Amino acid sequence: MRAEGLSGARRGRQFKITTISDENQHRPSDLVDRQFMASAPNRLWVADLTYVKTHSGWVYVAFIIDVFSRFIVGWQISTSLRSDLAIDALEMAIYSRNGNDLSNLVHHSDRGVQYLSIRYSERLSEAEIVASVGSNCDSNDNALAESFNGLYKTELIHRKEPWRNVEHVEWATLNYVDWFNNRRIHESLDYVPPVEFEDHYYDANESESLSVLEMIYSPTNPARFSASRAKIWCITLSRPGTCTL
């Protein structure tokens, strides 16, 4: 790279505080304990806020990422650190996973008041998502989300600045999220994009599920289930909308 006059993008710029916590506010336990690993999609999401300086003032961006595949499931942009910013990103995340069971999902964040608000907590509860919260002012407790924010700043924000206003940042972020989810390769994902990594997971599990269903539904199996029960198993084991029994 040096011989070609090239160098890697470098992280690190001025920072602005986005985590405003209330020490008197009740907060959930830390269920992640810095172990940012997941065995399947929709098992662990991490959420965080970051900021962008524009000619019109500061712009704040909320992201929610699926730890299994690094897929950006939700994001939102605003000119203020209101609680609706985080909630709107959460709503996008839930909608983007429409049809998937979220009952075993853990949502991890820092202690920012946006994530500890009553409205945010109630929305998590409605979706049967379990809240997990790290400590304040310790980036290691939400390291994966912090790392993504660094990528976002390095790969988009610092490369394309200066920014005019919130609309300018929003349009660029929309295109970045599309590229990140569908075309950017990741070393931790065996050098495939997040969407492809999830597809591989579902394809492998469908193949395994079909083998189980064939055994259950086989006429030679004396313990086979009825057609109606086999249908229930098909819906349970397969990706939403793919059961053909």
Protein backbone atom coordinates (compact mmCIF):
# COMPACT_ATOMS: atom_id res chain seq x y z
CA MET A 1 0.00 0.00 0.00
CA ARG A 2 2.85 2.40 0.85
CA ALA A 3 4.47 1.81 -2.56
CA GLU A 4 1.18 2.77 -4.22
CA GLY A 5 0.81 5.87 -2.06
CA LEU A 6 -2.14 4.37 -0.17
CA SER A 7 -2.87 4.28 3.55
CA GLY A 8 -5.66 2.88 5.67
CA ALA A 9 -8.40 5.06 7.13
CA ARG A 10 -7.56 6.23 10.64
CA ARG A 11 -10.07 6.47 13.44
CA GLY A 12 -10.17 9.17 16.08
CA ARG A 13 -11.49 12.73 16.13
CA GLN A 14 -13.02 15.18 18.58
CA PHE A 15 -15.84 13.74 20.63
CA LYS A 16 -19.16 14.92 22.01
CA ILE A 17 -20.96 13.39 24.99
CA THR A 18 -24.13 11.54 23.95
CA THR A 19 -24.58 9.30 27.01
CA ILE A 20 -26.53 11.33 29.57
CA SER A 21 -27.43 9.11 32.51
CA ASP A 22 -29.53 9.50 35.62
CA GLU A 23 -27.94 7.63 38.53
CA ASN A 24 -31.27 7.61 40.41
CA GLN A 25 -33.08 5.92 37.54
CA HIS A 26 -33.79 2.19 37.74
CA ARG A 27 -31.79 0.24 35.16
CA PRO A 28 -31.72 -3.41 34.07
CA SER A 29 -28.77 -5.68 34.79
CA ASP A 30 -25.88 -6.22 32.39
CA LEU A 31 -26.76 -9.59 30.82
CA VAL A 32 -23.97 -9.44 28.23
CA ASP A 33 -20.92 -8.88 30.44
CA ARG A 34 -18.82 -7.85 27.42
CA GLN A 35 -19.46 -11.19 25.68
CA PHE A 36 -20.64 -9.93 22.30
CA MET A 37 -21.49 -13.27 20.74
CA ALA A 38 -24.73 -14.76 19.44
CA SER A 39 -25.57 -18.20 18.04
CA ALA A 40 -28.32 -16.99 15.70
CA PRO A 41 -30.01 -13.83 14.39
CA ASN A 42 -32.28 -12.00 16.85
CA ARG A 43 -30.54 -13.29 19.95
CA LEU A 44 -28.56 -10.15 20.84
CA TRP A 45 -28.94 -6.58 19.57
CA VAL A 46 -26.70 -3.70 20.62
CA ALA A 47 -27.81 -0.08 20.47
CA ASP A 48 -25.96 3.21 20.68
CA LEU A 49 -26.01 6.88 19.66
CA THR A 50 -23.39 8.94 17.89
CA TYR A 51 -23.16 12.46 16.49
CA VAL A 52 -22.25 14.36 13.33
CA LYS A 53 -21.27 18.02 13.05
CA THR A 54 -23.00 19.94 10.25
CA HIS A 55 -23.15 23.57 9.14
CA SER A 56 -26.61 23.72 10.72
CA GLY A 57 -25.56 22.25 14.07
CA TRP A 58 -25.10 18.84 15.64
CA VAL A 59 -26.99 15.83 14.24
CA TYR A 60 -27.50 12.66 16.28
CA VAL A 61 -27.72 9.13 14.87
CA ALA A 62 -29.09 6.03 16.61
CA PHE A 63 -28.16 2.53 15.44
CA ILE A 64 -29.26 -0.99 16.44
CA ILE A 65 -27.08 -3.89 15.29
CA ASP A 66 -27.64 -7.64 15.34
CA VAL A 67 -24.51 -9.11 16.96
CA PHE A 68 -24.75 -12.43 15.08
CA SER A 69 -24.36 -10.95 11.61
CA ARG A 70 -23.47 -7.28 12.27
CA PHE A 71 -26.65 -6.44 10.31
CA ILE A 72 -27.94 -2.91 10.97
CA VAL A 73 -31.55 -3.68 11.85
CA GLY A 74 -32.57 -0.15 12.81
CA TRP A 75 -31.34 3.44 12.61
CA GLN A 76 -32.67 6.97 12.91
CA ILE A 77 -31.39 10.56 12.69
CA SER A 78 -32.47 13.68 14.56
CA THR A 79 -31.27 17.15 15.50
CA SER A 80 -31.86 16.45 19.20
CA LEU A 81 -31.12 13.73 21.74
CA ARG A 82 -34.81 13.21 22.46
CA SER A 83 -36.07 9.76 23.50
CA ASP A 84 -38.01 9.46 20.22
CA LEU A 85 -34.69 9.16 18.37
CA ALA A 86 -33.88 5.85 20.07
CA ILE A 87 -37.49 4.64 19.95
CA ASP A 88 -37.79 5.31 16.21
CA ALA A 89 -34.63 3.24 15.61
CA LEU A 90 -36.13 0.46 17.75
CA GLU A 91 -39.39 0.54 15.81
CA MET A 92 -37.45 0.18 12.55
CA ALA A 93 -35.52 -2.76 13.99
CA ILE A 94 -38.68 -4.58 15.10
CA TYR A 95 -40.36 -3.89 11.76
CA SER A 96 -37.33 -5.08 9.77
CA ARG A 97 -37.47 -8.39 11.63
CA ASN A 98 -41.22 -8.71 11.03
CA GLY A 99 -42.31 -12.33 11.20
CA ASN A 100 -39.39 -13.39 13.39
CA ASP A 101 -39.71 -14.50 16.99
CA LEU A 102 -38.05 -11.89 19.23
CA SER A 103 -38.96 -13.49 22.56
CA ASN A 104 -35.40 -14.76 23.19
CA LEU A 105 -33.79 -11.49 22.17
CA VAL A 106 -31.59 -9.41 24.48
CA HIS A 107 -31.30 -5.69 23.73
CA HIS A 108 -28.06 -4.22 25.13
CA SER A 109 -27.26 -0.52 25.48
CA ASP A 110 -25.42 1.96 27.69
CA ARG A 111 -27.07 3.86 30.54
CA GLY A 112 -28.29 6.76 28.42
CA VAL A 113 -31.64 8.16 29.52
CA GLN A 114 -33.01 7.51 26.03
CA TYR A 115 -32.68 3.74 26.59
CA LEU A 116 -33.90 3.82 30.19
CA SER A 117 -37.00 5.92 29.51
CA ILE A 118 -40.40 4.49 30.40
CA ARG A 119 -41.54 4.56 26.76
CA TYR A 120 -38.48 2.70 25.54
CA SER A 121 -38.72 0.10 28.29
CA GLU A 122 -42.41 -0.44 27.61
CA ARG A 123 -41.80 -0.93 23.89
CA LEU A 124 -39.15 -3.56 24.61
CA SER A 125 -41.57 -5.31 26.94
CA GLU A 126 -44.37 -5.23 24.37
CA ALA A 127 -42.10 -6.98 21.86
CA GLU A 128 -40.97 -9.48 24.56
CA ILE A 129 -37.39 -8.21 24.24
CA VAL A 130 -35.20 -8.40 27.35
CA ALA A 131 -33.28 -5.23 28.27
CA SER A 132 -29.61 -5.29 29.25
CA VAL A 133 -27.63 -2.21 30.25
CA GLY A 134 -23.89 -1.69 30.67
CA SER A 135 -22.10 0.81 32.85
CA ASN A 136 -21.76 4.54 32.24
CA CYS A 137 -18.60 6.02 30.68
CA ASP A 138 -17.07 2.60 29.94
CA SER A 139 -17.07 1.92 26.22
CA ASN A 140 -15.99 -1.70 26.77
CA ASP A 141 -19.45 -2.50 28.14
CA ASN A 142 -20.93 -1.69 24.73
CA ALA A 143 -17.81 -2.32 22.66
CA LEU A 144 -19.43 -3.75 19.55
CA ALA A 145 -21.79 -0.79 19.12
CA GLU A 146 -18.95 1.65 19.84
CA SER A 147 -16.80 -0.13 17.24
CA PHE A 148 -19.54 0.21 14.64
CA ASN A 149 -19.88 3.92 15.39
CA GLY A 150 -16.16 4.22 14.73
CA LEU A 151 -16.54 2.49 11.37
CA TYR A 152 -19.47 4.74 10.46
CA LYS A 153 -17.44 7.83 11.26
CA THR A 154 -14.31 6.58 9.45
CA GLU A 155 -15.94 5.10 6.36
CA LEU A 156 -18.57 7.78 5.78
CA ILE A 157 -18.68 10.84 8.00
CA HIS A 158 -15.02 11.90 8.02
CA ARG A 159 -14.50 10.97 4.38
CA LYS A 160 -17.46 12.97 3.07
CA GLU A 161 -17.43 16.01 5.37
CA PRO A 162 -18.32 18.85 5.58
CA TRP A 163 -22.03 18.15 6.01
CA ARG A 164 -24.71 20.75 5.28
CA ASN A 165 -27.63 19.65 7.45
CA VAL A 166 -29.62 16.71 8.82
CA GLU A 167 -31.08 15.85 5.41
CA HIS A 168 -27.60 15.63 3.91
CA VAL A 169 -26.46 13.22 6.63
CA GLU A 170 -29.67 11.19 6.48
CA TRP A 171 -29.43 10.52 2.75
CA ALA A 172 -25.76 9.54 3.00
CA THR A 173 -26.46 7.28 5.99
CA LEU A 174 -29.29 5.56 4.13
CA ASN A 175 -26.89 4.64 1.33
CA TYR A 176 -24.18 3.63 3.81
CA VAL A 177 -26.53 1.26 5.67
CA ASP A 178 -27.58 -0.34 2.39
CA TRP A 179 -23.92 -0.85 1.42
CA PHE A 180 -22.93 -2.06 4.89
CA ASN A 181 -25.71 -4.66 5.11
CA ASN A 182 -25.64 -5.93 1.54
CA ARG A 183 -22.18 -5.43 0.07
CA ARG A 184 -19.53 -4.67 2.68
CA ILE A 185 -17.52 -7.81 3.52
CA HIS A 186 -16.55 -8.51 7.13
CA GLU A 187 -13.55 -10.48 8.32
CA SER A 188 -15.52 -11.75 11.34
CA LEU A 189 -18.20 -13.12 8.97
CA ASP A 190 -15.81 -15.14 6.79
CA TYR A 191 -15.56 -12.24 4.35
CA VAL A 192 -19.21 -12.04 3.34
CA PRO A 193 -21.77 -9.23 3.89
CA PRO A 194 -24.22 -9.43 6.82
CA VAL A 195 -27.21 -10.32 4.63
CA GLU A 196 -25.32 -13.22 3.04
CA PHE A 197 -24.13 -14.46 6.41
CA GLU A 198 -27.73 -14.60 7.68
CA ASP A 199 -28.89 -16.32 4.49
CA HIS A 200 -26.25 -19.02 5.01
CA TYR A 201 -27.51 -19.54 8.55
CA TYR A 202 -31.15 -19.88 7.51
CA ASP A 203 -30.33 -22.12 4.54
CA ALA A 204 -28.31 -24.49 6.75
CA ASN A 205 -31.07 -24.63 9.36
CA GLU A 206 -33.79 -25.22 6.76
CA SER A 207 -31.85 -28.16 5.34
CA GLU A 208 -31.53 -29.65 8.81
CA SER A 209 -35.20 -28.97 9.56
CA LEU A 210 -36.36 -30.60 6.32
CA SER A 211 -34.38 -33.74 7.19
CA VAL A 212 -36.17 -33.89 10.55
CA LEU A 213 -39.56 -33.32 8.89
CA GLU A 214 -38.94 -36.05 6.33
CA MET A 215 -38.27 -38.48 9.16
CA ILE A 216 -41.35 -37.35 11.09
CA TYR A 217 -43.64 -37.40 8.04
CA SER A 218 -42.31 -40.63 6.52
CA PRO A 219 -44.96 -43.42 6.08
CA THR A 220 -42.36 -45.93 7.30
CA ASN A 221 -41.97 -44.13 10.61
CA PRO A 222 -44.36 -45.80 13.10
CA ALA A 223 -44.15 -42.79 15.39
CA ARG A 224 -44.85 -40.21 12.68
CA PHE A 225 -47.00 -37.21 13.50
CA SER A 226 -50.30 -36.32 11.89
CA ALA A 227 -50.30 -33.97 8.90
CA SER A 228 -51.54 -31.10 11.06
CA ARG A 229 -48.77 -31.58 13.62
CA ALA A 230 -46.15 -31.89 10.88
CA LYS A 231 -47.43 -28.56 9.55
CA ILE A 232 -46.86 -26.97 12.96
CA TRP A 233 -43.30 -28.31 13.03
CA CYS A 234 -42.68 -27.01 9.54
CA ILE A 235 -43.78 -23.50 10.47
CA THR A 236 -41.75 -23.61 13.69
CA LEU A 237 -38.50 -24.88 12.18
CA SER A 238 -38.48 -23.06 8.86
CA ARG A 239 -37.83 -19.46 7.91
CA PRO A 240 -41.08 -17.41 7.99
CA GLY A 241 -43.13 -17.95 4.81
CA THR A 242 -41.12 -20.91 3.49
CA CYS A 243 -43.13 -23.88 4.83
CA THR A 244 -44.74 -25.79 1.92
CA LEU A 245 -46.47 -28.66 3.78
